[in-house]
Amino acid sequence: MGVEASATNTNVDTLVTMLRMAFSFENWDNLIILADELLDKVYGPYRDPSDQPKPVMEKPLVYYLGYCNLMKGVAYQKKKLYKEAMECIDQYRDLSLFSDGSESNKNIIEDFSFFAKANSYTVEILSGNTASIEEYALFIQQYPSETLPGLVTILECANKHDLDVGGIVSPLLEYIKRLNHADMNPTDRSYYLSILYLFSIYHFKKNNYKEAIDFTIQSLIFSDKIDDDQHFKKSVALFEVYRSHATKHQRDTYAAVLKNYLMGVIEHEEGFSLDNDRNGSA
């Protein structure tokens, strides 16, 4: 399932919604296409006024210019095209040239300037500049809203380069523990699941099996709760690969989660119940 790029006659704010959906489906190629379509719609009339009418926009021009470049940069980052990602970041680092001078424009420009700084750290670290990790972690502690995506970046880098980041991420984990899952938006839920999965990998690589399997089970439970099949399957696969290292309590918890999942699937199937054992076996 995904959002295909067929947006020629689509209005600006519907395109923004389509971009968000493409992000949630991790459809990076389509996200880039949609971002270019959005940029052409909002900026094309200013670039060539005689060619097309100005679109109706619910928000100021600077918002759309920043948003489409931010999303496009994220897509390039996910595709590991870090040079292209940084070029996109440079496009929204300073949007003051497109401001109408209003206070609302000023606030939007400041927001995207902040995003540019945070995302620059991300791209630098993922492209191999591991020396920036500790500085980035300190930056995140100043801005808690960056904790979830920041942890994803740090853990991805640690797993790729076999780094020990336990001391660096310890303060950030305290923030994670205080999160109210019910208040998470779809993007934060996606980040949170990625963190659980990446922590599993991090500990498996260090042969810390109990910690790794604990994170795997947390990922399994949360992915089931929010109906994220992709993470659910990855968590099941991880557990099964390392099943021999699981404690009895972990195996029992895992079995209970799977049983609960199966009961939800077969809830409306007549004539079948996990509580009925027709063969009389134990």
C-alpha atoms as a PDB file:
ATOM      1  CA  MET A   1       0.000   0.000   0.000  1.00  0.00           C
ATOM      2  CA  GLY A   2       1.267   3.497  -0.762  1.00  0.00           C
ATOM      3  CA  VAL A   3       0.577   6.951  -2.131  1.00  0.00           C
ATOM      4  CA  GLU A   4       1.396   7.123  -5.810  1.00  0.00           C
ATOM      5  CA  ALA A   5       2.583  10.399  -7.323  1.00  0.00           C
ATOM      6  CA  SER A   6      -0.271  11.556  -9.537  1.00  0.00           C
ATOM      7  CA  ALA A   7      -0.656  15.106  -8.353  1.00  0.00           C
ATOM      8  CA  THR A   8      -0.755  17.344 -11.421  1.00  0.00           C
ATOM      9  CA  ASN A   9      -4.247  18.630 -10.643  1.00  0.00           C
ATOM     10  CA  THR A  10      -3.986  18.359  -6.878  1.00  0.00           C
ATOM     11  CA  ASN A  11      -4.234  21.456  -4.708  1.00  0.00           C
ATOM     12  CA  VAL A  12      -1.356  22.583  -2.513  1.00  0.00           C
ATOM     13  CA  ASP A  13      -2.588  21.469   0.898  1.00  0.00           C
ATOM     14  CA  THR A  14      -3.746  18.096  -0.380  1.00  0.00           C
ATOM     15  CA  LEU A  15      -0.195  17.646  -1.659  1.00  0.00           C
ATOM     16  CA  VAL A  16       1.092  18.328   1.843  1.00  0.00           C
ATOM     17  CA  THR A  17      -1.179  15.546   3.131  1.00  0.00           C
ATOM     18  CA  MET A  18       0.050  13.208   0.395  1.00  0.00           C
ATOM     19  CA  LEU A  19       3.638  13.993   1.385  1.00  0.00           C
ATOM     20  CA  ARG A  20       2.898  13.030   4.986  1.00  0.00           C
ATOM     21  CA  MET A  21       1.294   9.783   3.844  1.00  0.00           C
ATOM     22  CA  ALA A  22       4.271   8.964   1.603  1.00  0.00           C
ATOM     23  CA  PHE A  23       6.510   9.529   4.631  1.00  0.00           C
ATOM     24  CA  SER A  24       4.427   7.228   6.834  1.00  0.00           C
ATOM     25  CA  PHE A  25       4.573   4.504   4.149  1.00  0.00           C
ATOM     26  CA  GLU A  26       8.333   5.085   3.757  1.00  0.00           C
ATOM     27  CA  ASN A  27       7.798   5.587   0.025  1.00  0.00           C
ATOM     28  CA  TRP A  28      10.915   7.696  -0.478  1.00  0.00           C
ATOM     29  CA  ASP A  29      10.944   7.827  -4.284  1.00  0.00           C
ATOM     30  CA  ASN A  30       7.346   8.962  -4.416  1.00  0.00           C
ATOM     31  CA  LEU A  31       7.984  11.470  -1.626  1.00  0.00           C
ATOM     32  CA  ILE A  32      10.681  13.138  -3.752  1.00  0.00           C
ATOM     33  CA  ILE A  33       8.310  13.340  -6.723  1.00  0.00           C
ATOM     34  CA  LEU A  34       5.540  14.843  -4.579  1.00  0.00           C
ATOM     35  CA  ALA A  35       7.939  17.339  -2.988  1.00  0.00           C
ATOM     36  CA  ASP A  36       9.030  18.546  -6.439  1.00  0.00           C
ATOM     37  CA  GLU A  37       5.384  18.831  -7.476  1.00  0.00           C
ATOM     38  CA  LEU A  38       4.616  20.914  -4.380  1.00  0.00           C
ATOM     39  CA  LEU A  39       7.629  23.159  -4.997  1.00  0.00           C
ATOM     40  CA  ASP A  40       6.571  23.725  -8.604  1.00  0.00           C
ATOM     41  CA  LYS A  41       3.000  24.586  -7.584  1.00  0.00           C
ATOM     42  CA  VAL A  42       3.887  27.119  -4.887  1.00  0.00           C
ATOM     43  CA  TYR A  43       7.019  28.667  -6.385  1.00  0.00           C
ATOM     44  CA  GLY A  44       6.397  28.303 -10.125  1.00  0.00           C
ATOM     45  CA  PRO A  45       4.057  31.323 -10.341  1.00  0.00           C
ATOM     46  CA  TYR A  46       6.658  33.526  -8.603  1.00  0.00           C
ATOM     47  CA  ARG A  47       9.447  32.232 -10.808  1.00  0.00           C
ATOM     48  CA  ASP A  48       7.439  32.783 -14.010  1.00  0.00           C
ATOM     49  CA  PRO A  49       4.356  34.958 -13.242  1.00  0.00           C
ATOM     50  CA  SER A  50       3.074  34.879 -16.818  1.00  0.00           C
ATOM     51  CA  ASP A  51       2.951  31.103 -16.984  1.00  0.00           C
ATOM     52  CA  GLN A  52       0.515  30.072 -14.249  1.00  0.00           C
ATOM     53  CA  PRO A  53      -1.821  31.540 -11.618  1.00  0.00           C
ATOM     54  CA  LYS A  54      -0.847  31.682  -7.971  1.00  0.00           C
ATOM     55  CA  PRO A  55      -2.306  28.725  -6.043  1.00  0.00           C
ATOM     56  CA  VAL A  56      -4.632  29.023  -3.078  1.00  0.00           C
ATOM     57  CA  MET A  57      -2.561  28.323   0.043  1.00  0.00           C
ATOM     58  CA  GLU A  58      -3.720  27.933   3.634  1.00  0.00           C
ATOM     59  CA  LYS A  59      -0.266  28.869   4.950  1.00  0.00           C
ATOM     60  CA  PRO A  60       2.437  31.391   3.977  1.00  0.00           C
ATOM     61  CA  LEU A  61       4.715  30.671   1.016  1.00  0.00           C
ATOM     62  CA  VAL A  62       7.769  30.208   3.275  1.00  0.00           C
ATOM     63  CA  TYR A  63       6.084  27.250   4.970  1.00  0.00           C
ATOM     64  CA  TYR A  64       5.627  25.315   1.736  1.00  0.00           C
ATOM     65  CA  LEU A  65       9.117  26.140   0.478  1.00  0.00           C
ATOM     66  CA  GLY A  66      10.579  24.896   3.732  1.00  0.00           C
ATOM     67  CA  TYR A  67       8.349  21.862   4.036  1.00  0.00           C
ATOM     68  CA  CYS A  68       8.857  20.431   0.563  1.00  0.00           C
ATOM     69  CA  ASN A  69      12.652  20.791   0.821  1.00  0.00           C
ATOM     70  CA  LEU A  70      12.666  19.325   4.330  1.00  0.00           C
ATOM     71  CA  MET A  71      10.668  16.268   3.242  1.00  0.00           C
ATOM     72  CA  LYS A  72      12.730  15.822   0.103  1.00  0.00           C
ATOM     73  CA  GLY A  73      15.893  15.978   2.198  1.00  0.00           C
ATOM     74  CA  VAL A  74      14.552  13.308   4.550  1.00  0.00           C
ATOM     75  CA  ALA A  75      13.821  11.064   1.566  1.00  0.00           C
ATOM     76  CA  TYR A  76      17.367  11.462   0.223  1.00  0.00           C
ATOM     77  CA  GLN A  77      18.719  10.786   3.707  1.00  0.00           C
ATOM     78  CA  LYS A  78      16.713   7.554   3.940  1.00  0.00           C
ATOM     79  CA  LYS A  79      18.056   6.565   0.515  1.00  0.00           C
ATOM     80  CA  LYS A  80      21.582   7.244   1.856  1.00  0.00           C
ATOM     81  CA  LEU A  81      22.112  10.023  -0.688  1.00  0.00           C
ATOM     82  CA  TYR A  82      23.678  12.356   1.853  1.00  0.00           C
ATOM     83  CA  LYS A  83      25.088  14.961  -0.551  1.00  0.00           C
ATOM     84  CA  GLU A  84      21.619  15.493  -2.046  1.00  0.00           C
ATOM     85  CA  ALA A  85      20.090  15.554   1.449  1.00  0.00           C
ATOM     86  CA  MET A  86      22.446  18.332   2.547  1.00  0.00           C
ATOM     87  CA  GLU A  87      21.646  20.321  -0.591  1.00  0.00           C
ATOM     88  CA  CYS A  88      17.968  20.195   0.380  1.00  0.00           C
ATOM     89  CA  ILE A  89      18.793  21.305   3.932  1.00  0.00           C
ATOM     90  CA  ASP A  90      20.647  24.318   2.531  1.00  0.00           C
ATOM     91  CA  GLN A  91      17.431  25.306   0.740  1.00  0.00           C
ATOM     92  CA  TYR A  92      15.515  25.830   3.989  1.00  0.00           C
ATOM     93  CA  ARG A  93      18.358  26.885   6.266  1.00  0.00           C
ATOM     94  CA  ASP A  94      17.504  30.570   5.658  1.00  0.00           C
ATOM     95  CA  LEU A  95      14.150  31.380   4.045  1.00  0.00           C
ATOM     96  CA  SER A  96      14.211  35.091   4.927  1.00  0.00           C
ATOM     97  CA  LEU A  97      14.437  36.026   1.231  1.00  0.00           C
ATOM     98  CA  PHE A  98      10.858  34.775   0.798  1.00  0.00           C
ATOM     99  CA  SER A  99       9.411  36.442   3.899  1.00  0.00           C
ATOM    100  CA  ASP A 100       6.665  39.052   3.747  1.00  0.00           C
ATOM    101  CA  GLY A 101       8.026  40.579   6.936  1.00  0.00           C
ATOM    102  CA  SER A 102       5.187  39.407   9.159  1.00  0.00           C
ATOM    103  CA  GLU A 103       5.636  37.867  12.594  1.00  0.00           C
ATOM    104  CA  SER A 104       4.104  34.586  11.409  1.00  0.00           C
ATOM    105  CA  ASN A 105       6.639  34.381   8.568  1.00  0.00           C
ATOM    106  CA  LYS A 106       9.451  35.125  11.000  1.00  0.00           C
ATOM    107  CA  ASN A 107       8.381  32.259  13.283  1.00  0.00           C
ATOM    108  CA  ILE A 108       8.189  29.804  10.384  1.00  0.00           C
ATOM    109  CA  ILE A 109      11.656  30.841   9.165  1.00  0.00           C
ATOM    110  CA  GLU A 110      13.083  30.316  12.666  1.00  0.00           C
ATOM    111  CA  ASP A 111      11.471  26.870  12.868  1.00  0.00           C
ATOM    112  CA  PHE A 112      13.008  25.735   9.590  1.00  0.00           C
ATOM    113  CA  SER A 113      16.364  27.197  10.552  1.00  0.00           C
ATOM    114  CA  PHE A 114      16.243  25.015  13.663  1.00  0.00           C
ATOM    115  CA  PHE A 115      15.240  21.953  11.603  1.00  0.00           C
ATOM    116  CA  ALA A 116      18.175  22.653   9.275  1.00  0.00           C
ATOM    117  CA  LYS A 117      20.612  22.639  12.193  1.00  0.00           C
ATOM    118  CA  ALA A 118      19.215  19.399  13.627  1.00  0.00           C
ATOM    119  CA  ASN A 119      19.059  17.656  10.249  1.00  0.00           C
ATOM    120  CA  SER A 120      22.586  18.772   9.377  1.00  0.00           C
ATOM    121  CA  TYR A 121      23.807  16.883  12.428  1.00  0.00           C
ATOM    122  CA  THR A 122      21.831  13.858  11.278  1.00  0.00           C
ATOM    123  CA  VAL A 123      23.246  13.831   7.757  1.00  0.00           C
ATOM    124  CA  GLU A 124      26.807  14.453   8.960  1.00  0.00           C
ATOM    125  CA  ILE A 125      26.637  11.586  11.445  1.00  0.00           C
ATOM    126  CA  LEU A 126      24.980   9.125   9.067  1.00  0.00           C
ATOM    127  CA  SER A 127      27.490   9.951   6.350  1.00  0.00           C
ATOM    128  CA  GLY A 128      30.324   8.878   8.655  1.00  0.00           C
ATOM    129  CA  ASN A 129      31.256  11.870  10.826  1.00  0.00           C
ATOM    130  CA  THR A 130      30.976   9.898  14.079  1.00  0.00           C
ATOM    131  CA  ALA A 131      32.938  12.549  15.988  1.00  0.00           C
ATOM    132  CA  SER A 132      29.779  14.689  16.030  1.00  0.00           C
ATOM    133  CA  ILE A 133      27.669  12.183  17.978  1.00  0.00           C
ATOM    134  CA  GLU A 134      28.441  13.483  21.456  1.00  0.00           C
ATOM    135  CA  GLU A 135      27.894  17.100  20.389  1.00  0.00           C
ATOM    136  CA  TYR A 136      24.615  16.062  18.750  1.00  0.00           C
ATOM    137  CA  ALA A 137      23.473  14.280  21.928  1.00  0.00           C
ATOM    138  CA  LEU A 138      24.073  17.457  23.943  1.00  0.00           C
ATOM    139  CA  PHE A 139      22.120  19.428  21.342  1.00  0.00           C
ATOM    140  CA  ILE A 140      19.198  16.996  21.680  1.00  0.00           C
ATOM    141  CA  GLN A 141      19.151  17.370  25.454  1.00  0.00           C
ATOM    142  CA  GLN A 142      18.547  21.095  24.967  1.00  0.00           C
ATOM    143  CA  TYR A 143      15.627  20.402  22.624  1.00  0.00           C
ATOM    144  CA  PRO A 144      13.595  17.401  23.866  1.00  0.00           C
ATOM    145  CA  SER A 145      11.366  17.482  20.763  1.00  0.00           C
ATOM    146  CA  GLU A 146      14.383  16.176  18.836  1.00  0.00           C
ATOM    147  CA  THR A 147      14.918  13.191  21.131  1.00  0.00           C
ATOM    148  CA  LEU A 148      13.061  10.585  19.061  1.00  0.00           C
ATOM    149  CA  PRO A 149      14.567  11.321  15.627  1.00  0.00           C
ATOM    150  CA  GLY A 150      17.901  12.051  17.306  1.00  0.00           C
ATOM    151  CA  LEU A 151      18.042   8.650  18.981  1.00  0.00           C
ATOM    152  CA  VAL A 152      17.239   6.973  15.663  1.00  0.00           C
ATOM    153  CA  THR A 153      20.221   8.744  14.069  1.00  0.00           C
ATOM    154  CA  ILE A 154      22.623   7.917  16.910  1.00  0.00           C
ATOM    155  CA  LEU A 155      21.593   4.259  17.057  1.00  0.00           C
ATOM    156  CA  GLU A 156      21.751   3.813  13.283  1.00  0.00           C
ATOM    157  CA  CYS A 157      25.286   5.208  13.316  1.00  0.00           C
ATOM    158  CA  ALA A 158      26.300   3.120  16.340  1.00  0.00           C
ATOM    159  CA  ASN A 159      25.033  -0.084  14.730  1.00  0.00           C
ATOM    160  CA  LYS A 160      26.681   0.689  11.403  1.00  0.00           C
ATOM    161  CA  HIS A 161      30.088   1.530  12.883  1.00  0.00           C
ATOM    162  CA  ASP A 162      29.983  -0.759  15.964  1.00  0.00           C
ATOM    163  CA  LEU A 163      30.206   2.159  18.387  1.00  0.00           C
ATOM    164  CA  ASP A 164      29.557   2.082  22.126  1.00  0.00           C
ATOM    165  CA  VAL A 165      27.066   4.884  22.792  1.00  0.00           C
ATOM    166  CA  GLY A 166      25.627   3.648  26.087  1.00  0.00           C
ATOM    167  CA  GLY A 167      26.820   6.647  28.081  1.00  0.00           C
ATOM    168  CA  ILE A 168      25.749   9.094  25.392  1.00  0.00           C
ATOM    169  CA  VAL A 169      22.170   7.828  25.040  1.00  0.00           C
ATOM    170  CA  SER A 170      21.546   7.169  28.746  1.00  0.00           C
ATOM    171  CA  PRO A 171      20.143  10.688  29.469  1.00  0.00           C
ATOM    172  CA  LEU A 172      17.986  10.472  26.344  1.00  0.00           C
ATOM    173  CA  LEU A 173      16.486   7.170  27.478  1.00  0.00           C
ATOM    174  CA  GLU A 174      15.057   8.917  30.538  1.00  0.00           C
ATOM    175  CA  TYR A 175      12.977  11.076  28.203  1.00  0.00           C
ATOM    176  CA  ILE A 176      11.794   7.987  26.318  1.00  0.00           C
ATOM    177  CA  LYS A 177      10.664   6.301  29.532  1.00  0.00           C
ATOM    178  CA  ARG A 178       8.468   9.285  30.420  1.00  0.00           C
ATOM    179  CA  LEU A 179       6.625   9.315  27.094  1.00  0.00           C
ATOM    180  CA  ASN A 180       2.865   8.885  27.075  1.00  0.00           C
ATOM    181  CA  HIS A 181       2.218   6.571  24.147  1.00  0.00           C
ATOM    182  CA  ALA A 182      -1.385   7.735  23.855  1.00  0.00           C
ATOM    183  CA  ASP A 183      -0.205  11.274  23.082  1.00  0.00           C
ATOM    184  CA  MET A 184       2.143  10.248  20.247  1.00  0.00           C
ATOM    185  CA  ASN A 185       1.353  11.357  16.703  1.00  0.00           C
ATOM    186  CA  PRO A 186       1.927   8.876  13.821  1.00  0.00           C
ATOM    187  CA  THR A 187       5.423  10.226  13.119  1.00  0.00           C
ATOM    188  CA  ASP A 188       6.504   9.891  16.762  1.00  0.00           C
ATOM    189  CA  ARG A 189       5.082   6.357  16.917  1.00  0.00           C
ATOM    190  CA  SER A 190       7.165   5.442  13.877  1.00  0.00           C
ATOM    191  CA  TYR A 191      10.306   6.911  15.474  1.00  0.00           C
ATOM    192  CA  TYR A 192       9.581   5.132  18.761  1.00  0.00           C
ATOM    193  CA  LEU A 193       9.244   1.750  17.068  1.00  0.00           C
ATOM    194  CA  SER A 194      12.466   2.338  15.153  1.00  0.00           C
ATOM    195  CA  ILE A 195      14.235   3.125  18.443  1.00  0.00           C
ATOM    196  CA  LEU A 196      13.043  -0.119  20.050  1.00  0.00           C
ATOM    197  CA  TYR A 197      14.157  -2.116  17.014  1.00  0.00           C
ATOM    198  CA  LEU A 198      17.531  -0.349  16.774  1.00  0.00           C
ATOM    199  CA  PHE A 199      18.181  -0.862  20.484  1.00  0.00           C
ATOM    200  CA  SER A 200      17.480  -4.561  19.951  1.00  0.00           C
ATOM    201  CA  ILE A 201      20.095  -4.710  17.192  1.00  0.00           C
ATOM    202  CA  TYR A 202      22.530  -2.633  19.265  1.00  0.00           C
ATOM    203  CA  HIS A 203      22.384  -5.073  22.181  1.00  0.00           C
ATOM    204  CA  PHE A 204      22.368  -8.194  19.999  1.00  0.00           C
ATOM    205  CA  LYS A 205      25.597  -6.991  18.360  1.00  0.00           C
ATOM    206  CA  LYS A 206      27.127  -6.692  21.836  1.00  0.00           C
ATOM    207  CA  ASN A 207      25.776 -10.107  22.931  1.00  0.00           C
ATOM    208  CA  ASN A 208      23.616  -8.429  25.590  1.00  0.00           C
ATOM    209  CA  TYR A 209      20.832 -10.916  24.911  1.00  0.00           C
ATOM    210  CA  LYS A 210      18.495 -10.170  27.805  1.00  0.00           C
ATOM    211  CA  GLU A 211      18.429  -6.429  27.045  1.00  0.00           C
ATOM    212  CA  ALA A 212      18.114  -7.092  23.312  1.00  0.00           C
ATOM    213  CA  ILE A 213      15.177  -9.468  23.709  1.00  0.00           C
ATOM    214  CA  ASP A 214      13.461  -7.106  26.174  1.00  0.00           C
ATOM    215  CA  PHE A 215      13.569  -4.368  23.513  1.00  0.00           C
ATOM    216  CA  THR A 216      12.384  -6.850  20.870  1.00  0.00           C
ATOM    217  CA  ILE A 217       9.348  -7.774  22.975  1.00  0.00           C
ATOM    218  CA  GLN A 218       8.580  -4.084  23.607  1.00  0.00           C
ATOM    219  CA  SER A 219       8.697  -3.521  19.852  1.00  0.00           C
ATOM    220  CA  LEU A 220       6.413  -6.519  19.300  1.00  0.00           C
ATOM    221  CA  ILE A 221       3.855  -5.277  21.833  1.00  0.00           C
ATOM    222  CA  PHE A 222       3.822  -1.682  20.596  1.00  0.00           C
ATOM    223  CA  SER A 223       3.724  -2.591  16.890  1.00  0.00           C
ATOM    224  CA  ASP A 224       0.740  -4.860  17.578  1.00  0.00           C
ATOM    225  CA  LYS A 225      -0.954  -2.067  19.535  1.00  0.00           C
ATOM    226  CA  ILE A 226      -0.734   0.408  16.645  1.00  0.00           C
ATOM    227  CA  ASP A 227      -1.162  -2.178  13.841  1.00  0.00           C
ATOM    228  CA  ASP A 228       2.305  -1.737  12.364  1.00  0.00           C
ATOM    229  CA  ASP A 229       2.717  -5.033  10.506  1.00  0.00           C
ATOM    230  CA  GLN A 230       6.208  -4.268   9.230  1.00  0.00           C
ATOM    231  CA  HIS A 231       7.735  -3.794  12.684  1.00  0.00           C
ATOM    232  CA  PHE A 232       5.663  -6.670  14.068  1.00  0.00           C
ATOM    233  CA  LYS A 233       7.139  -9.075  11.511  1.00  0.00           C
ATOM    234  CA  LYS A 234      10.687  -7.812  12.131  1.00  0.00           C
ATOM    235  CA  SER A 235      10.253  -8.265  15.876  1.00  0.00           C
ATOM    236  CA  VAL A 236       8.929 -11.814  15.476  1.00  0.00           C
ATOM    237  CA  ALA A 237      11.849 -12.671  13.179  1.00  0.00           C
ATOM    238  CA  LEU A 238      14.380 -11.210  15.622  1.00  0.00           C
ATOM    239  CA  PHE A 239      12.946 -13.127  18.554  1.00  0.00           C
ATOM    240  CA  GLU A 240      12.910 -16.412  16.664  1.00  0.00           C
ATOM    241  CA  VAL A 241      16.523 -16.022  15.525  1.00  0.00           C
ATOM    242  CA  TYR A 242      17.658 -15.462  19.123  1.00  0.00           C
ATOM    243  CA  ARG A 243      15.036 -17.603  20.867  1.00  0.00           C
ATOM    244  CA  SER A 244      17.691 -19.853  22.408  1.00  0.00           C
ATOM    245  CA  HIS A 245      19.004 -16.848  24.388  1.00  0.00           C
ATOM    246  CA  ALA A 246      15.592 -15.885  25.822  1.00  0.00           C
ATOM    247  CA  THR A 247      14.714 -16.488  29.457  1.00  0.00           C
ATOM    248  CA  LYS A 248      11.608 -18.479  30.362  1.00  0.00           C
ATOM    249  CA  HIS A 249       9.846 -15.251  31.341  1.00  0.00           C
ATOM    250  CA  GLN A 250      10.702 -13.702  27.965  1.00  0.00           C
ATOM    251  CA  ARG A 251       9.478 -16.790  26.088  1.00  0.00           C
ATOM    252  CA  ASP A 252       6.221 -16.784  28.066  1.00  0.00           C
ATOM    253  CA  THR A 253       5.685 -13.074  27.411  1.00  0.00           C
ATOM    254  CA  TYR A 254       6.381 -13.562  23.708  1.00  0.00           C
ATOM    255  CA  ALA A 255       3.933 -16.470  23.501  1.00  0.00           C
ATOM    256  CA  ALA A 256       1.252 -14.445  25.289  1.00  0.00           C
ATOM    257  CA  VAL A 257       1.686 -11.527  22.849  1.00  0.00           C
ATOM    258  CA  LEU A 258       1.368 -13.844  19.842  1.00  0.00           C
ATOM    259  CA  LYS A 259      -1.674 -15.559  21.313  1.00  0.00           C
ATOM    260  CA  ASN A 260      -3.329 -12.197  21.948  1.00  0.00           C
ATOM    261  CA  TYR A 261      -2.529 -11.178  18.360  1.00  0.00           C
ATOM    262  CA  LEU A 262      -3.966 -14.406  16.941  1.00  0.00           C
ATOM    263  CA  MET A 263      -7.129 -14.112  19.036  1.00  0.00           C
ATOM    264  CA  GLY A 264      -7.655 -10.659  17.584  1.00  0.00           C
ATOM    265  CA  VAL A 265      -7.235 -11.995  14.050  1.00  0.00           C
ATOM    266  CA  ILE A 266      -9.653 -14.919  14.452  1.00  0.00           C
ATOM    267  CA  GLU A 267     -12.142 -13.080  16.663  1.00  0.00           C
ATOM    268  CA  HIS A 268     -14.874 -13.148  14.016  1.00  0.00           C
ATOM    269  CA  GLU A 269     -14.112 -16.575  12.553  1.00  0.00           C
ATOM    270  CA  GLU A 270     -16.945 -18.942  13.459  1.00  0.00           C
ATOM    271  CA  GLY A 271     -16.217 -22.422  14.687  1.00  0.00           C
ATOM    272  CA  PHE A 272     -12.659 -21.776  15.832  1.00  0.00           C
ATOM    273  CA  SER A 273     -11.364 -20.970  19.280  1.00  0.00           C
ATOM    274  CA  LEU A 274      -7.958 -21.251  20.906  1.00  0.00           C
ATOM    275  CA  ASP A 275      -9.722 -22.343  24.083  1.00  0.00           C
ATOM    276  CA  ASN A 276     -11.136 -25.495  22.464  1.00  0.00           C
ATOM    277  CA  ASP A 277      -8.669 -28.358  22.139  1.00  0.00           C
ATOM    278  CA  ARG A 278     -10.517 -31.005  20.121  1.00  0.00           C
ATOM    279  CA  ASN A 279      -7.667 -33.451  20.263  1.00  0.00           C
ATOM    280  CA  GLY A 280      -7.501 -33.318  24.052  1.00  0.00           C
ATOM    281  CA  SER A 281      -3.770 -32.763  24.006  1.00  0.00           C
ATOM    282  CA  ALA A 282      -2.001 -30.864  26.772  1.00  0.00           C
END
